[in-house]
Amino acid sequence: MASALGSAKYTKIDIQKKKSKKYGRGSRKIVKTRVDLKGKVTNFSYYESLYSPIVTASLIYEEAGDSTKSSLPISGNEDLFFIIESKYGKLNFSKDDTALKVNVVPEAGKQSNREAVYLGLISQYEVKDKKRQVSKKYYNTPISSSVEKILKEYFQVPKSRMHIEETKNMYDFIGKGKNPIEIITKLARKSVPVKGDPGYFFFETQEGFNFKSINYLVAQRPKATYSYSGGFQANSDNDRNDYKIMIEPKFIKDQDVMNAVTSGTYVSRNIFFNPQNAKYIEKIYKINEEGNVEKTLGTDLEVDDELDGYVRTNMHVLDVGSLKTGVSDAVNNSPLEWQAKSTMRYNILHTQMLDIQVPCNLNLMAGDVVKVEIENLQTEKCNEPVNKHQSGKYLILHLCHSFKANESVTSMTLVRDTYGLHTGKK
């Protein structure tokens, strides 16, 4: 493939419908019917996000003559198997445990002899999640082990598609009939890695399910470096454009001091009530002291002395011995260890938010780190070609791979916690 921006290769796009047919003496058999849509797809978009425990996608296909939508028919919950290849990487959802499900099926347009159909696609695990409720008790085990057990027991996720970072803290809980994804998403905020700051993300990518700490994510090496210097080469069909930012980067957020102060990002007062002895524990967390950030994407975190006072007070009730057998005064996953710190870490991570669009790179996924180099203003270029304040490492928050007839692009929303081209010394 000459250029990452050029058209991608649809190696496989099959839609499969399963029907239960009744045979003699009451027996039933599942009949599978597959239709190849490969040569009919005009638009395909694939999405991942640190905020989303499932991947999603959408496609538009057009056909003349017989309507697949009517003859199959496509009515929802069909399986879509696909392999899409570009110059850099491959999206491979061709197996039974990776196929996406058809969620919505409106017609995008219709003429006398031609039909365009839009298919909204979701992860098959979203469908499974709605049909499963967790009622078991999980105890005396690290949170990461509970996450692995839930994914295996309720979703039958193979070990090769589970990427779970070990946690050092344990948490006893009962499912209470909640869905698996809801439980794991809530566990993420209560989790503390073996080393580093508390706070995890639970998200799905093309490689499977991920349960990773913020500390781990920001410490990664950049997977690619993209530069913005005012535009593409005149001939877009060449390698020099593969790692260029296509249009001017858009900063959708660049620090919000008042929001950070009121949300308790820098300093927060936390009061913990122990119901066993009716005593209160007061703890003030400061980001520059015991709340200090272990790893950052930019330079070391610095907070102005004028922002050193708290304006937010959080109240917490300790879970003391509620799930232990007999009488116990043990605190279940004490929030003193993670409550304030994880809130601070999530908030700081979103200090800067940046939208960029680049030639398609299917090796990139949500949760990866990329390096961005943004040119200085024209008057400053003679001293320093790269803006050291805005440039540097960013974490991929949201990602979309989009394929059209003659163009393939990757769009990303990037975040980072601190400014600077070079990372801190910690």
Protein backbone atom coordinates (compact mmCIF):
# COMPACT_ATOMS: atom_id res chain seq x y z
CA MET A 1 0.00 0.00 0.00
CA ALA A 2 1.53 3.28 -1.14
CA SER A 3 0.01 5.59 1.47
CA ALA A 4 -1.60 5.16 4.88
CA LEU A 5 -4.20 7.70 3.78
CA GLY A 6 -5.27 5.62 0.77
CA SER A 7 -8.16 3.18 0.59
CA ALA A 8 -8.02 0.20 2.95
CA LYS A 9 -8.46 -3.42 1.92
CA TYR A 10 -11.66 -5.17 2.97
CA THR A 11 -10.39 -8.76 3.25
CA LYS A 12 -13.61 -10.01 4.84
CA ILE A 13 -17.00 -8.49 5.69
CA ASP A 14 -19.60 -11.22 6.25
CA ILE A 15 -22.95 -10.91 7.95
CA GLN A 16 -24.37 -14.06 9.53
CA LYS A 17 -27.89 -14.80 10.69
CA LYS A 18 -28.71 -17.70 12.97
CA LYS A 19 -32.13 -19.35 13.00
CA SER A 20 -33.48 -22.12 15.15
CA LYS A 21 -35.35 -24.64 12.98
CA LYS A 22 -37.62 -27.35 14.30
CA TYR A 23 -37.27 -30.91 13.07
CA GLY A 24 -39.14 -34.13 13.77
CA ARG A 25 -39.92 -35.22 17.34
CA GLY A 26 -39.39 -31.70 18.70
CA SER A 27 -35.64 -31.50 17.99
CA ARG A 28 -34.14 -28.15 16.97
CA LYS A 29 -31.07 -27.20 14.98
CA ILE A 30 -29.30 -23.86 14.59
CA VAL A 31 -29.00 -22.95 10.90
CA LYS A 32 -26.43 -20.29 9.97
CA THR A 33 -26.68 -18.20 6.80
CA ARG A 34 -23.79 -15.97 5.71
CA VAL A 35 -23.79 -13.17 3.13
CA ASP A 36 -20.64 -11.49 1.80
CA LEU A 37 -20.92 -7.67 1.91
CA LYS A 38 -17.27 -7.05 1.04
CA GLY A 39 -17.76 -5.42 -2.36
CA LYS A 40 -20.78 -3.39 -1.27
CA VAL A 41 -19.44 -1.43 1.74
CA THR A 42 -18.99 2.30 1.06
CA ASN A 43 -18.26 3.54 4.58
CA PHE A 44 -16.96 1.81 7.71
CA SER A 45 -16.11 3.38 11.09
CA TYR A 46 -14.71 1.62 14.15
CA TYR A 47 -14.59 3.12 17.69
CA GLU A 48 -12.72 2.54 20.96
CA SER A 49 -12.57 4.61 24.15
CA LEU A 50 -11.08 4.50 27.64
CA TYR A 51 -14.58 5.46 28.79
CA SER A 52 -16.23 2.52 27.03
CA PRO A 53 -16.07 -1.11 28.21
CA ILE A 54 -17.13 -2.18 24.70
CA VAL A 55 -16.05 -1.42 21.13
CA THR A 56 -18.59 -0.19 18.58
CA ALA A 57 -18.66 0.29 14.81
CA SER A 58 -20.92 1.32 11.95
CA LEU A 59 -21.03 0.65 8.25
CA ILE A 60 -23.02 1.65 5.19
CA TYR A 61 -23.39 -0.73 2.28
CA GLU A 62 -25.12 -0.26 -1.06
CA GLU A 63 -26.49 -2.83 -3.45
CA ALA A 64 -28.61 -3.02 -6.58
CA GLY A 65 -31.16 -5.74 -7.31
CA ASP A 66 -32.04 -8.19 -4.54
CA SER A 67 -32.06 -6.69 -1.05
CA THR A 68 -29.96 -8.51 1.56
CA LYS A 69 -31.81 -6.58 4.24
CA SER A 70 -35.10 -8.11 3.14
CA SER A 71 -33.99 -11.55 1.93
CA LEU A 72 -31.73 -12.56 4.83
CA PRO A 73 -33.47 -10.65 6.54
CA ILE A 74 -31.39 -8.23 8.66
CA SER A 75 -33.46 -7.35 11.71
CA GLY A 76 -30.86 -7.04 14.51
CA ASN A 77 -28.55 -9.32 16.52
CA GLU A 78 -26.83 -10.74 13.43
CA ASP A 79 -23.07 -11.41 13.64
CA LEU A 80 -20.66 -9.33 11.56
CA PHE A 81 -17.23 -10.81 10.85
CA PHE A 82 -14.64 -8.53 9.29
CA ILE A 83 -10.96 -8.10 8.48
CA ILE A 84 -9.79 -4.67 7.31
CA GLU A 85 -6.15 -4.09 6.39
CA SER A 86 -4.29 -0.83 5.93
CA LYS A 87 -0.63 0.03 5.45
CA TYR A 88 -0.14 -0.03 9.22
CA GLY A 89 -1.96 -2.90 10.88
CA LYS A 90 -5.14 -4.91 10.62
CA LEU A 91 -8.57 -4.95 12.29
CA ASN A 92 -9.39 -8.63 12.72
CA PHE A 93 -12.83 -9.49 14.08
CA SER A 94 -13.22 -12.70 12.10
CA LYS A 95 -13.68 -15.27 14.88
CA ASP A 96 -16.79 -16.33 16.79
CA ASP A 97 -15.57 -14.71 20.03
CA THR A 98 -14.75 -11.36 18.34
CA ALA A 99 -17.63 -10.84 15.87
CA LEU A 100 -19.71 -7.71 16.45
CA LYS A 101 -23.50 -7.71 16.71
CA VAL A 102 -25.91 -5.70 14.57
CA ASN A 103 -27.71 -3.28 16.89
CA VAL A 104 -29.67 -0.93 14.60
CA VAL A 105 -30.68 -1.34 10.92
CA PRO A 106 -32.23 1.79 9.40
CA GLU A 107 -32.19 2.39 5.66
CA ALA A 108 -29.78 5.17 4.73
CA GLY A 109 -31.44 5.70 1.33
CA LYS A 110 -33.49 3.92 -1.31
CA GLN A 111 -34.10 4.31 -5.03
CA SER A 112 -36.07 2.20 -7.49
CA ASN A 113 -33.16 -0.21 -8.12
CA ARG A 114 -30.63 0.65 -5.40
CA GLU A 115 -30.62 0.50 -1.61
CA ALA A 116 -28.23 1.93 0.98
CA VAL A 117 -28.37 0.40 4.48
CA TYR A 118 -26.76 1.61 7.71
CA LEU A 119 -25.73 -1.01 10.29
CA GLY A 120 -24.93 0.08 13.84
CA LEU A 121 -22.65 -2.50 15.48
CA ILE A 122 -21.81 -3.28 19.10
CA SER A 123 -19.56 -5.73 20.90
CA GLN A 124 -21.18 -9.13 21.43
CA TYR A 125 -20.29 -8.77 25.12
CA GLU A 126 -22.71 -5.87 25.45
CA VAL A 127 -25.51 -8.24 24.41
CA LYS A 128 -24.27 -10.95 26.79
CA ASP A 129 -23.98 -8.41 29.61
CA LYS A 130 -27.69 -7.56 29.49
CA LYS A 131 -28.59 -11.24 29.93
CA ARG A 132 -26.33 -11.94 32.87
CA GLN A 133 -26.58 -10.92 36.52
CA VAL A 134 -23.85 -11.44 39.10
CA SER A 135 -25.04 -12.67 42.49
CA LYS A 136 -21.92 -14.43 43.76
CA LYS A 137 -19.74 -13.28 46.63
CA TYR A 138 -16.11 -12.41 45.89
CA TYR A 139 -13.81 -12.21 48.92
CA ASN A 140 -10.23 -12.59 50.18
CA THR A 141 -8.82 -11.94 46.72
CA PRO A 142 -7.25 -8.96 44.91
CA ILE A 143 -9.68 -6.91 42.79
CA SER A 144 -7.80 -7.87 39.63
CA SER A 145 -8.48 -11.57 40.33
CA SER A 146 -12.20 -10.85 40.81
CA VAL A 147 -12.26 -9.02 37.44
CA GLU A 148 -10.63 -12.00 35.72
CA LYS A 149 -13.09 -14.43 37.33
CA ILE A 150 -16.12 -12.37 36.26
CA LEU A 151 -14.93 -12.10 32.64
CA LYS A 152 -14.22 -15.81 32.50
CA GLU A 153 -17.35 -17.04 34.29
CA TYR A 154 -19.94 -14.76 32.71
CA PHE A 155 -18.45 -13.97 29.29
CA GLN A 156 -16.14 -16.96 28.67
CA VAL A 157 -13.43 -14.52 27.54
CA PRO A 158 -10.25 -16.45 26.62
CA LYS A 159 -7.15 -15.60 28.65
CA SER A 160 -5.42 -14.31 25.50
CA ARG A 161 -8.02 -11.52 25.25
CA MET A 162 -7.81 -10.43 28.90
CA HIS A 163 -5.14 -7.83 29.74
CA ILE A 164 -5.47 -7.26 33.46
CA GLU A 165 -2.97 -5.40 35.61
CA GLU A 166 -2.56 -6.81 39.10
CA THR A 167 -3.96 -4.81 42.03
CA LYS A 168 -2.48 -4.82 45.51
CA ASN A 169 -5.74 -4.16 47.33
CA MET A 170 -8.52 -6.65 48.04
CA TYR A 171 -12.23 -5.91 48.08
CA ASP A 172 -15.03 -8.15 49.34
CA PHE A 173 -18.35 -7.67 47.56
CA ILE A 174 -21.56 -9.37 46.47
CA GLY A 175 -22.84 -8.95 42.92
CA LYS A 176 -26.42 -8.15 44.06
CA GLY A 177 -27.79 -9.07 40.63
CA LYS A 178 -25.90 -6.33 38.78
CA ASN A 179 -24.51 -6.82 35.28
CA PRO A 180 -20.83 -7.88 34.96
CA ILE A 181 -19.72 -4.77 33.05
CA GLU A 182 -21.33 -2.43 35.60
CA ILE A 183 -19.55 -4.20 38.47
CA ILE A 184 -16.10 -4.16 36.84
CA THR A 185 -16.47 -0.49 35.85
CA LYS A 186 -17.17 0.41 39.49
CA LEU A 187 -14.28 -1.73 40.71
CA ALA A 188 -11.87 0.26 38.51
CA ARG A 189 -12.13 3.39 40.65
CA LYS A 190 -11.52 1.41 43.85
CA SER A 191 -8.38 -0.30 42.55
CA VAL A 192 -4.77 0.41 43.52
CA PRO A 193 -1.86 -0.97 41.46
CA VAL A 194 1.05 -2.82 43.05
CA LYS A 195 3.08 0.33 42.51
CA GLY A 196 1.74 3.80 41.76
CA ASP A 197 -1.39 5.90 42.08
CA PRO A 198 -4.92 4.44 42.44
CA GLY A 199 -7.43 4.57 39.62
CA TYR A 200 -7.99 2.12 36.75
CA PHE A 201 -9.80 2.09 33.42
CA PHE A 202 -11.85 -0.86 32.14
CA PHE A 203 -12.17 -0.79 28.37
CA GLU A 204 -12.30 -3.00 25.28
CA THR A 205 -10.00 -2.68 22.26
CA GLN A 206 -9.36 -4.79 19.18
CA GLU A 207 -7.09 -6.94 21.37
CA GLY A 208 -9.75 -7.67 24.01
CA PHE A 209 -10.63 -6.43 27.51
CA ASN A 210 -8.23 -4.21 29.45
CA PHE A 211 -8.16 -3.43 33.17
CA LYS A 212 -5.23 -1.03 33.51
CA SER A 213 -4.13 1.62 35.99
CA ILE A 214 -3.63 5.24 34.96
CA ASN A 215 -0.10 4.88 36.29
CA TYR A 216 0.62 2.03 33.84
CA LEU A 217 -0.99 3.79 30.87
CA VAL A 218 0.91 7.08 31.21
CA ALA A 219 4.23 5.27 31.76
CA GLN A 220 4.10 3.58 28.33
CA ARG A 221 6.51 4.48 25.56
CA PRO A 222 4.94 6.32 22.61
CA LYS A 223 3.67 3.96 19.93
CA ALA A 224 4.05 6.60 17.22
CA THR A 225 5.13 10.21 16.75
CA TYR A 226 2.94 12.64 14.78
CA SER A 227 3.95 16.14 13.72
CA TYR A 228 2.01 19.20 12.60
CA SER A 229 3.82 21.70 10.42
CA GLY A 230 1.10 23.41 8.45
CA GLY A 231 0.01 20.84 5.90
CA PHE A 232 0.61 17.77 3.75
CA GLN A 233 3.07 17.35 0.92
CA ALA A 234 1.57 18.27 -2.46
CA ASN A 235 1.47 14.61 -3.45
CA SER A 236 -0.55 12.86 -0.71
CA ASP A 237 0.40 9.44 -2.06
CA ASN A 238 3.76 9.26 -0.34
CA ASP A 239 5.30 8.01 2.89
CA ARG A 240 6.24 11.46 4.16
CA ASN A 241 2.61 12.14 5.07
CA ASP A 242 2.01 8.91 7.01
CA TYR A 243 2.96 10.45 10.35
CA LYS A 244 1.76 13.98 9.78
CA ILE A 245 -1.32 15.52 11.43
CA MET A 246 -3.74 16.24 8.61
CA ILE A 247 -5.51 19.36 9.89
CA GLU A 248 -4.69 21.86 12.59
CA PRO A 249 -4.83 20.22 16.06
CA LYS A 250 -7.79 21.42 18.10
CA PHE A 251 -7.39 21.93 21.84
CA ILE A 252 -10.84 21.30 23.29
CA LYS A 253 -9.57 21.81 26.84
CA ASP A 254 -6.41 23.47 28.09
CA GLN A 255 -6.52 23.73 31.88
CA ASP A 256 -9.52 24.88 33.91
CA VAL A 257 -8.24 26.16 37.24
CA MET A 258 -11.57 26.92 38.88
CA ASN A 259 -13.06 23.58 37.92
CA ALA A 260 -9.94 21.84 39.26
CA VAL A 261 -10.17 23.75 42.55
CA THR A 262 -13.89 23.12 43.10
CA SER A 263 -13.66 19.43 42.17
CA GLY A 264 -10.88 18.84 44.69
CA THR A 265 -8.21 18.06 42.14
CA TYR A 266 -5.39 19.82 44.02
CA VAL A 267 -6.62 19.65 47.61
CA SER A 268 -9.57 17.89 49.21
CA ARG A 269 -10.84 17.40 52.74
CA ASN A 270 -12.13 13.89 53.40
CA ILE A 271 -14.05 12.75 56.46
CA PHE A 272 -14.41 9.00 57.06
CA PHE A 273 -17.02 7.71 59.53
CA ASN A 274 -16.43 4.39 61.28
CA PRO A 275 -19.87 2.94 62.22
CA GLN A 276 -18.32 0.41 64.58
CA ASN A 277 -16.99 2.97 67.05
CA ALA A 278 -18.91 6.06 65.79
CA LYS A 279 -15.64 7.95 65.28
CA TYR A 280 -14.66 10.28 62.46
CA ILE A 281 -11.29 10.35 60.71
CA GLU A 282 -10.38 13.57 58.92
CA LYS A 283 -7.79 13.52 56.15
CA ILE A 284 -6.68 16.40 53.92
CA TYR A 285 -5.03 15.28 50.70
CA LYS A 286 -2.73 17.63 48.82
CA ILE A 287 -1.48 16.76 45.38
CA ASN A 288 2.00 18.08 46.19
CA GLU A 289 2.30 16.05 49.38
CA GLU A 290 0.89 12.57 50.08
CA GLY A 291 -1.31 12.77 47.01
CA ASN A 292 1.75 13.29 44.81
CA VAL A 293 1.47 11.95 41.26
CA GLU A 294 3.84 9.05 40.60
CA LYS A 295 4.00 9.21 36.77
CA THR A 296 3.12 12.01 34.36
CA LEU A 297 3.01 12.40 30.59
CA GLY A 298 4.72 15.80 30.69
CA THR A 299 6.97 17.53 33.19
CA ASP A 300 6.64 17.12 36.97
CA LEU A 301 3.34 18.39 38.35
CA GLU A 302 3.47 21.84 39.91
CA VAL A 303 0.59 23.52 41.73
CA ASP A 304 0.54 27.24 42.51
CA ASP A 305 0.74 27.99 46.24
CA GLU A 306 -2.39 30.14 45.95
CA LEU A 307 -4.39 26.98 45.14
CA ASP A 308 -3.24 25.21 48.30
CA GLY A 309 -6.52 25.48 50.25
CA TYR A 310 -9.46 23.06 50.04
CA VAL A 311 -12.97 24.07 49.00
CA ARG A 312 -14.43 20.59 48.79
CA THR A 313 -15.28 18.19 51.62
CA ASN A 314 -16.08 14.54 50.87
CA MET A 315 -17.93 12.32 53.33
CA HIS A 316 -17.39 8.53 53.41
CA VAL A 317 -18.72 5.69 55.56
CA LEU A 318 -16.24 2.88 56.15
CA ASP A 319 -17.33 -0.69 55.38
CA VAL A 320 -16.36 -2.47 58.60
CA GLY A 321 -16.73 -6.24 58.82
CA SER A 322 -19.95 -6.37 56.78
CA LEU A 323 -18.94 -9.39 54.70
CA LYS A 324 -16.74 -11.15 57.24
CA THR A 325 -17.82 -14.27 59.11
CA GLY A 326 -18.35 -13.60 62.81
CA VAL A 327 -17.34 -10.35 64.50
CA SER A 328 -14.69 -8.32 62.70
CA ASP A 329 -13.34 -4.78 62.86
CA ALA A 330 -11.49 -5.06 59.52
CA VAL A 331 -12.19 -2.23 57.06
CA ASN A 332 -13.13 -3.53 53.62
CA ASN A 333 -10.80 -1.90 51.04
CA SER A 334 -10.31 1.25 53.11
CA PRO A 335 -11.17 4.34 51.04
CA LEU A 336 -8.43 6.22 52.89
CA GLU A 337 -6.06 4.45 50.49
CA TRP A 338 -7.77 5.33 47.21
CA GLN A 339 -10.87 7.59 47.41
CA ALA A 340 -9.29 11.05 47.23
CA LYS A 341 -6.20 10.04 45.31
CA SER A 342 -8.08 8.30 42.50
CA THR A 343 -10.40 11.31 42.11
CA MET A 344 -7.37 13.58 41.84
CA ARG A 345 -5.67 11.28 39.34
CA TYR A 346 -8.70 11.03 37.04
CA ASN A 347 -9.17 14.81 37.11
CA ILE A 348 -5.52 15.64 36.47
CA LEU A 349 -5.34 13.26 33.52
CA HIS A 350 -7.83 15.49 31.66
CA THR A 351 -5.89 18.73 32.13
CA GLN A 352 -5.36 19.04 28.36
CA MET A 353 -7.59 17.51 25.68
CA LEU A 354 -6.59 17.58 22.04
CA ASP A 355 -8.32 16.38 18.83
CA ILE A 356 -6.15 15.27 15.92
CA GLN A 357 -6.69 13.42 12.63
CA VAL A 358 -3.94 11.38 10.97
CA PRO A 359 -3.55 8.89 8.09
CA CYS A 360 -4.91 5.49 9.10
CA ASN A 361 -2.86 3.53 11.64
CA LEU A 362 -4.62 0.36 12.79
CA ASN A 363 -1.80 -0.40 15.22
CA LEU A 364 -3.10 2.42 17.46
CA MET A 365 -5.66 1.64 20.16
CA ALA A 366 -7.38 3.44 23.02
CA GLY A 367 -5.01 3.51 25.99
CA ASP A 368 -1.87 3.85 23.86
CA VAL A 369 0.53 6.77 24.17
CA VAL A 370 1.53 8.86 21.15
CA LYS A 371 3.99 11.71 20.86
CA VAL A 372 2.77 14.93 19.24
CA GLU A 373 5.10 17.59 17.85
CA ILE A 374 3.41 20.92 17.11
CA GLU A 375 5.28 23.64 15.27
CA ASN A 376 5.96 27.01 16.86
CA LEU A 377 4.50 30.23 15.54
CA GLN A 378 6.27 31.56 12.46
CA THR A 379 8.06 34.30 14.42
CA GLU A 380 9.41 31.77 16.92
CA LYS A 381 10.57 29.10 14.48
CA CYS A 382 14.05 30.53 14.15
CA ASN A 383 14.69 29.83 17.84
CA GLU A 384 12.80 26.57 18.31
CA PRO A 385 10.83 24.74 15.56
CA VAL A 386 8.74 22.69 18.03
CA ASN A 387 6.45 24.19 20.65
CA LYS A 388 7.84 22.62 23.83
CA HIS A 389 4.78 23.63 25.87
CA GLN A 390 2.09 21.97 23.72
CA SER A 391 4.18 19.15 22.28
CA GLY A 392 4.92 15.91 24.08
CA LYS A 393 3.35 12.60 25.08
CA TYR A 394 -0.43 12.19 25.07
CA LEU A 395 -2.73 9.31 26.01
CA ILE A 396 -5.38 8.18 23.49
CA LEU A 397 -8.76 8.69 25.18
CA HIS A 398 -11.06 8.13 22.19
CA LEU A 399 -10.20 6.65 18.81
CA CYS A 400 -11.99 6.15 15.49
CA HIS A 401 -10.67 4.36 12.40
CA SER A 402 -12.72 5.53 9.42
CA PHE A 403 -12.68 4.03 5.93
CA LYS A 404 -14.19 5.54 2.79
CA ALA A 405 -13.84 4.66 -0.89
CA ASN A 406 -10.58 6.55 -1.42
CA GLU A 407 -9.48 7.55 2.08
CA SER A 408 -8.64 5.94 5.43
CA VAL A 409 -8.03 8.07 8.52
CA THR A 410 -7.61 7.71 12.28
CA SER A 411 -9.19 10.37 14.48
CA MET A 412 -8.19 10.67 18.14
CA THR A 413 -9.01 12.62 21.27
CA LEU A 414 -5.82 12.82 23.31
CA VAL A 415 -5.35 13.78 26.97
CA ARG A 416 -2.46 14.50 29.28
CA ASP A 417 -1.87 15.62 32.84
CA THR A 418 1.05 18.08 32.59
CA TYR A 419 2.67 20.31 30.00
CA GLY A 420 6.05 19.86 28.37
CA LEU A 421 7.93 17.95 25.72
CA HIS A 422 9.95 15.93 28.21
CA THR A 423 8.57 13.79 31.03
CA GLY A 424 9.28 14.26 34.73
CA LYS A 425 12.08 12.56 36.62
CA LYS A 426 9.86 10.38 38.78
